């Protein structure tokens, strides 16, 4: 379950930021996770809730926004839905495409009192 190690990393980031900004209580942690990041949101939430106890983030809500898998065609500059295997641009037929979103995993923002 790699979600536990991801949750530990997220919590470390949150607690470092809380210390840096002299925050006593974190109320919300918003993360953005790409559809292709290989993270199960419910497992991440479970893991985060498990390890946050006894910290400044003990009452924090973990809010997960999933980013879609998208790509861009270098020929026509069209945006492509990459949620399924795509070998060529559906707009122009070019094979010169690349992923531009869907693999990210980061803390978007933190709310605190």
C-alpha atoms as a PDB file:
ATOM      1  CA  UNK A   1       0.000   0.000   0.000  1.00  0.00           C
ATOM      2  CA  UNK A   2       2.080   2.919  -1.261  1.00  0.00           C
ATOM      3  CA  UNK A   3      -0.697   5.344  -0.297  1.00  0.00           C
ATOM      4  CA  UNK A   4       0.603   5.204   3.290  1.00  0.00           C
ATOM      5  CA  UNK A   5       4.021   6.503   2.256  1.00  0.00           C
ATOM      6  CA  UNK A   6       2.349   9.178   0.121  1.00  0.00           C
ATOM      7  CA  UNK A   7       0.193  10.174   3.104  1.00  0.00           C
ATOM      8  CA  UNK A   8       3.322  10.392   5.269  1.00  0.00           C
ATOM      9  CA  UNK A   9       4.975  12.676   2.725  1.00  0.00           C
ATOM     10  CA  UNK A  10       1.862  14.865   2.472  1.00  0.00           C
ATOM     11  CA  UNK A  11       1.610  15.126   6.247  1.00  0.00           C
ATOM     12  CA  UNK A  12       5.293  16.062   6.498  1.00  0.00           C
ATOM     13  CA  UNK A  13       4.746  18.865   3.973  1.00  0.00           C
ATOM     14  CA  UNK A  14       1.666  20.079   5.849  1.00  0.00           C
ATOM     15  CA  UNK A  15       3.400  20.052   9.238  1.00  0.00           C
ATOM     16  CA  UNK A  16       6.488  21.807   7.847  1.00  0.00           C
ATOM     17  CA  UNK A  17       4.286  24.547   6.406  1.00  0.00           C
ATOM     18  CA  UNK A  18       2.329  24.813   9.680  1.00  0.00           C
ATOM     19  CA  UNK A  19       5.597  25.275  11.580  1.00  0.00           C
ATOM     20  CA  UNK A  20       6.902  27.768   9.046  1.00  0.00           C
ATOM     21  CA  UNK A  21       3.747  29.882   9.297  1.00  0.00           C
ATOM     22  CA  UNK A  22       3.321  29.363  13.063  1.00  0.00           C
ATOM     23  CA  UNK A  23      -0.056  27.657  12.639  1.00  0.00           C
ATOM     24  CA  UNK A  24      -1.604  25.822  15.582  1.00  0.00           C
ATOM     25  CA  UNK A  25      -4.365  23.930  13.782  1.00  0.00           C
ATOM     26  CA  UNK A  26      -4.655  22.756  10.180  1.00  0.00           C
ATOM     27  CA  UNK A  27      -8.289  22.415   9.086  1.00  0.00           C
ATOM     28  CA  UNK A  28      -8.037  21.377   5.450  1.00  0.00           C
ATOM     29  CA  UNK A  29      -5.471  19.846   3.124  1.00  0.00           C
ATOM     30  CA  UNK A  30      -6.320  19.958  -0.573  1.00  0.00           C
ATOM     31  CA  UNK A  31      -4.329  17.738  -2.898  1.00  0.00           C
ATOM     32  CA  UNK A  32      -4.442  17.291  -6.643  1.00  0.00           C
ATOM     33  CA  UNK A  33      -3.942  13.787  -7.968  1.00  0.00           C
ATOM     34  CA  UNK A  34      -3.738  12.896 -11.624  1.00  0.00           C
ATOM     35  CA  UNK A  35      -5.923  10.093 -12.945  1.00  0.00           C
ATOM     36  CA  UNK A  36      -2.761   8.267 -14.034  1.00  0.00           C
ATOM     37  CA  UNK A  37      -0.784   8.797 -10.810  1.00  0.00           C
ATOM     38  CA  UNK A  38      -1.625   5.317  -9.571  1.00  0.00           C
ATOM     39  CA  UNK A  39      -3.124   6.506  -6.293  1.00  0.00           C
ATOM     40  CA  UNK A  40      -6.382   5.161  -4.866  1.00  0.00           C
ATOM     41  CA  UNK A  41      -8.079   8.213  -3.297  1.00  0.00           C
ATOM     42  CA  UNK A  42      -9.966   6.233  -0.630  1.00  0.00           C
ATOM     43  CA  UNK A  43      -6.751   4.492   0.452  1.00  0.00           C
ATOM     44  CA  UNK A  44      -4.930   7.814   0.644  1.00  0.00           C
ATOM     45  CA  UNK A  45      -7.719   9.330   2.743  1.00  0.00           C
ATOM     46  CA  UNK A  46      -7.723   6.306   5.059  1.00  0.00           C
ATOM     47  CA  UNK A  47      -3.946   6.455   5.456  1.00  0.00           C
ATOM     48  CA  UNK A  48      -3.902  10.226   6.030  1.00  0.00           C
ATOM     49  CA  UNK A  49      -6.653   9.964   8.662  1.00  0.00           C
ATOM     50  CA  UNK A  50      -4.698   7.216  10.407  1.00  0.00           C
ATOM     51  CA  UNK A  51      -1.389   9.071  10.695  1.00  0.00           C
ATOM     52  CA  UNK A  52      -2.611  12.626  11.358  1.00  0.00           C
ATOM     53  CA  UNK A  53      -3.742  11.796  14.909  1.00  0.00           C
ATOM     54  CA  UNK A  54      -1.834  13.710  17.566  1.00  0.00           C
ATOM     55  CA  UNK A  55      -0.555  16.354  15.132  1.00  0.00           C
ATOM     56  CA  UNK A  56      -1.575  19.907  14.275  1.00  0.00           C
ATOM     57  CA  UNK A  57      -3.489  18.332  11.380  1.00  0.00           C
ATOM     58  CA  UNK A  58      -5.475  15.923  13.587  1.00  0.00           C
ATOM     59  CA  UNK A  59      -8.786  17.523  12.615  1.00  0.00           C
ATOM     60  CA  UNK A  60      -7.848  18.362   9.039  1.00  0.00           C
ATOM     61  CA  UNK A  61     -10.061  17.257   6.197  1.00  0.00           C
ATOM     62  CA  UNK A  62      -8.211  15.779   3.219  1.00  0.00           C
ATOM     63  CA  UNK A  63      -9.838  16.990   0.010  1.00  0.00           C
ATOM     64  CA  UNK A  64      -8.768  15.264  -3.177  1.00  0.00           C
ATOM     65  CA  UNK A  65      -9.245  16.759  -6.616  1.00  0.00           C
ATOM     66  CA  UNK A  66      -8.597  14.349  -9.441  1.00  0.00           C
ATOM     67  CA  UNK A  67      -6.953  15.794 -12.529  1.00  0.00           C
ATOM     68  CA  UNK A  68      -7.913  14.214 -15.833  1.00  0.00           C
ATOM     69  CA  UNK A  69      -5.486  12.452 -18.127  1.00  0.00           C
ATOM     70  CA  UNK A  70      -4.894  14.846 -21.014  1.00  0.00           C
ATOM     71  CA  UNK A  71      -2.401  15.268 -23.780  1.00  0.00           C
ATOM     72  CA  UNK A  72      -1.499  17.712 -26.497  1.00  0.00           C
ATOM     73  CA  UNK A  73      -0.910  17.209 -30.190  1.00  0.00           C
ATOM     74  CA  UNK A  74       2.277  18.937 -31.328  1.00  0.00           C
ATOM     75  CA  UNK A  75       0.959  19.164 -34.880  1.00  0.00           C
ATOM     76  CA  UNK A  76      -2.450  20.816 -34.426  1.00  0.00           C
ATOM     77  CA  UNK A  77      -2.030  21.824 -30.732  1.00  0.00           C
ATOM     78  CA  UNK A  78      -5.334  20.149 -29.915  1.00  0.00           C
ATOM     79  CA  UNK A  79      -6.072  18.856 -26.434  1.00  0.00           C
ATOM     80  CA  UNK A  80      -6.628  15.103 -26.251  1.00  0.00           C
ATOM     81  CA  UNK A  81      -8.447  12.963 -23.687  1.00  0.00           C
ATOM     82  CA  UNK A  82      -5.793  10.439 -22.656  1.00  0.00           C
ATOM     83  CA  UNK A  83      -7.959   8.418 -20.253  1.00  0.00           C
ATOM     84  CA  UNK A  84      -7.710   5.557 -22.727  1.00  0.00           C
ATOM     85  CA  UNK A  85      -4.876   4.493 -25.003  1.00  0.00           C
ATOM     86  CA  UNK A  86      -4.511   7.000 -27.839  1.00  0.00           C
ATOM     87  CA  UNK A  87      -2.054   6.326 -30.655  1.00  0.00           C
ATOM     88  CA  UNK A  88      -2.865   9.355 -32.770  1.00  0.00           C
ATOM     89  CA  UNK A  89      -4.556  12.711 -32.472  1.00  0.00           C
ATOM     90  CA  UNK A  90      -8.309  12.387 -32.986  1.00  0.00           C
ATOM     91  CA  UNK A  91      -8.325  15.904 -34.519  1.00  0.00           C
ATOM     92  CA  UNK A  92      -5.614  15.612 -37.179  1.00  0.00           C
ATOM     93  CA  UNK A  93      -4.300  12.037 -37.093  1.00  0.00           C
ATOM     94  CA  UNK A  94      -0.762  12.994 -36.033  1.00  0.00           C
ATOM     95  CA  UNK A  95       1.201  10.625 -33.821  1.00  0.00           C
ATOM     96  CA  UNK A  96       3.217  13.503 -32.341  1.00  0.00           C
ATOM     97  CA  UNK A  97       1.349  13.664 -29.027  1.00  0.00           C
ATOM     98  CA  UNK A  98       2.440  13.819 -25.399  1.00  0.00           C
ATOM     99  CA  UNK A  99       0.918  13.673 -21.936  1.00  0.00           C
ATOM    100  CA  UNK A 100       0.402  17.105 -20.378  1.00  0.00           C
ATOM    101  CA  UNK A 101      -1.695  16.176 -17.353  1.00  0.00           C
ATOM    102  CA  UNK A 102      -2.890  13.288 -15.288  1.00  0.00           C
ATOM    103  CA  UNK A 103       0.326  12.209 -13.593  1.00  0.00           C
ATOM    104  CA  UNK A 104       0.580  14.989 -11.010  1.00  0.00           C
ATOM    105  CA  UNK A 105       0.412  14.589  -7.241  1.00  0.00           C
ATOM    106  CA  UNK A 106       0.843  17.666  -5.064  1.00  0.00           C
ATOM    107  CA  UNK A 107      -0.535  19.709  -2.167  1.00  0.00           C
ATOM    108  CA  UNK A 108      -2.681  22.372  -3.789  1.00  0.00           C
ATOM    109  CA  UNK A 109      -3.381  24.364  -0.629  1.00  0.00           C
ATOM    110  CA  UNK A 110      -3.655  24.167   3.141  1.00  0.00           C
ATOM    111  CA  UNK A 111      -6.195  25.924   5.334  1.00  0.00           C
ATOM    112  CA  UNK A 112      -5.571  26.637   8.988  1.00  0.00           C
ATOM    113  CA  UNK A 113      -6.778  28.564  12.012  1.00  0.00           C
END
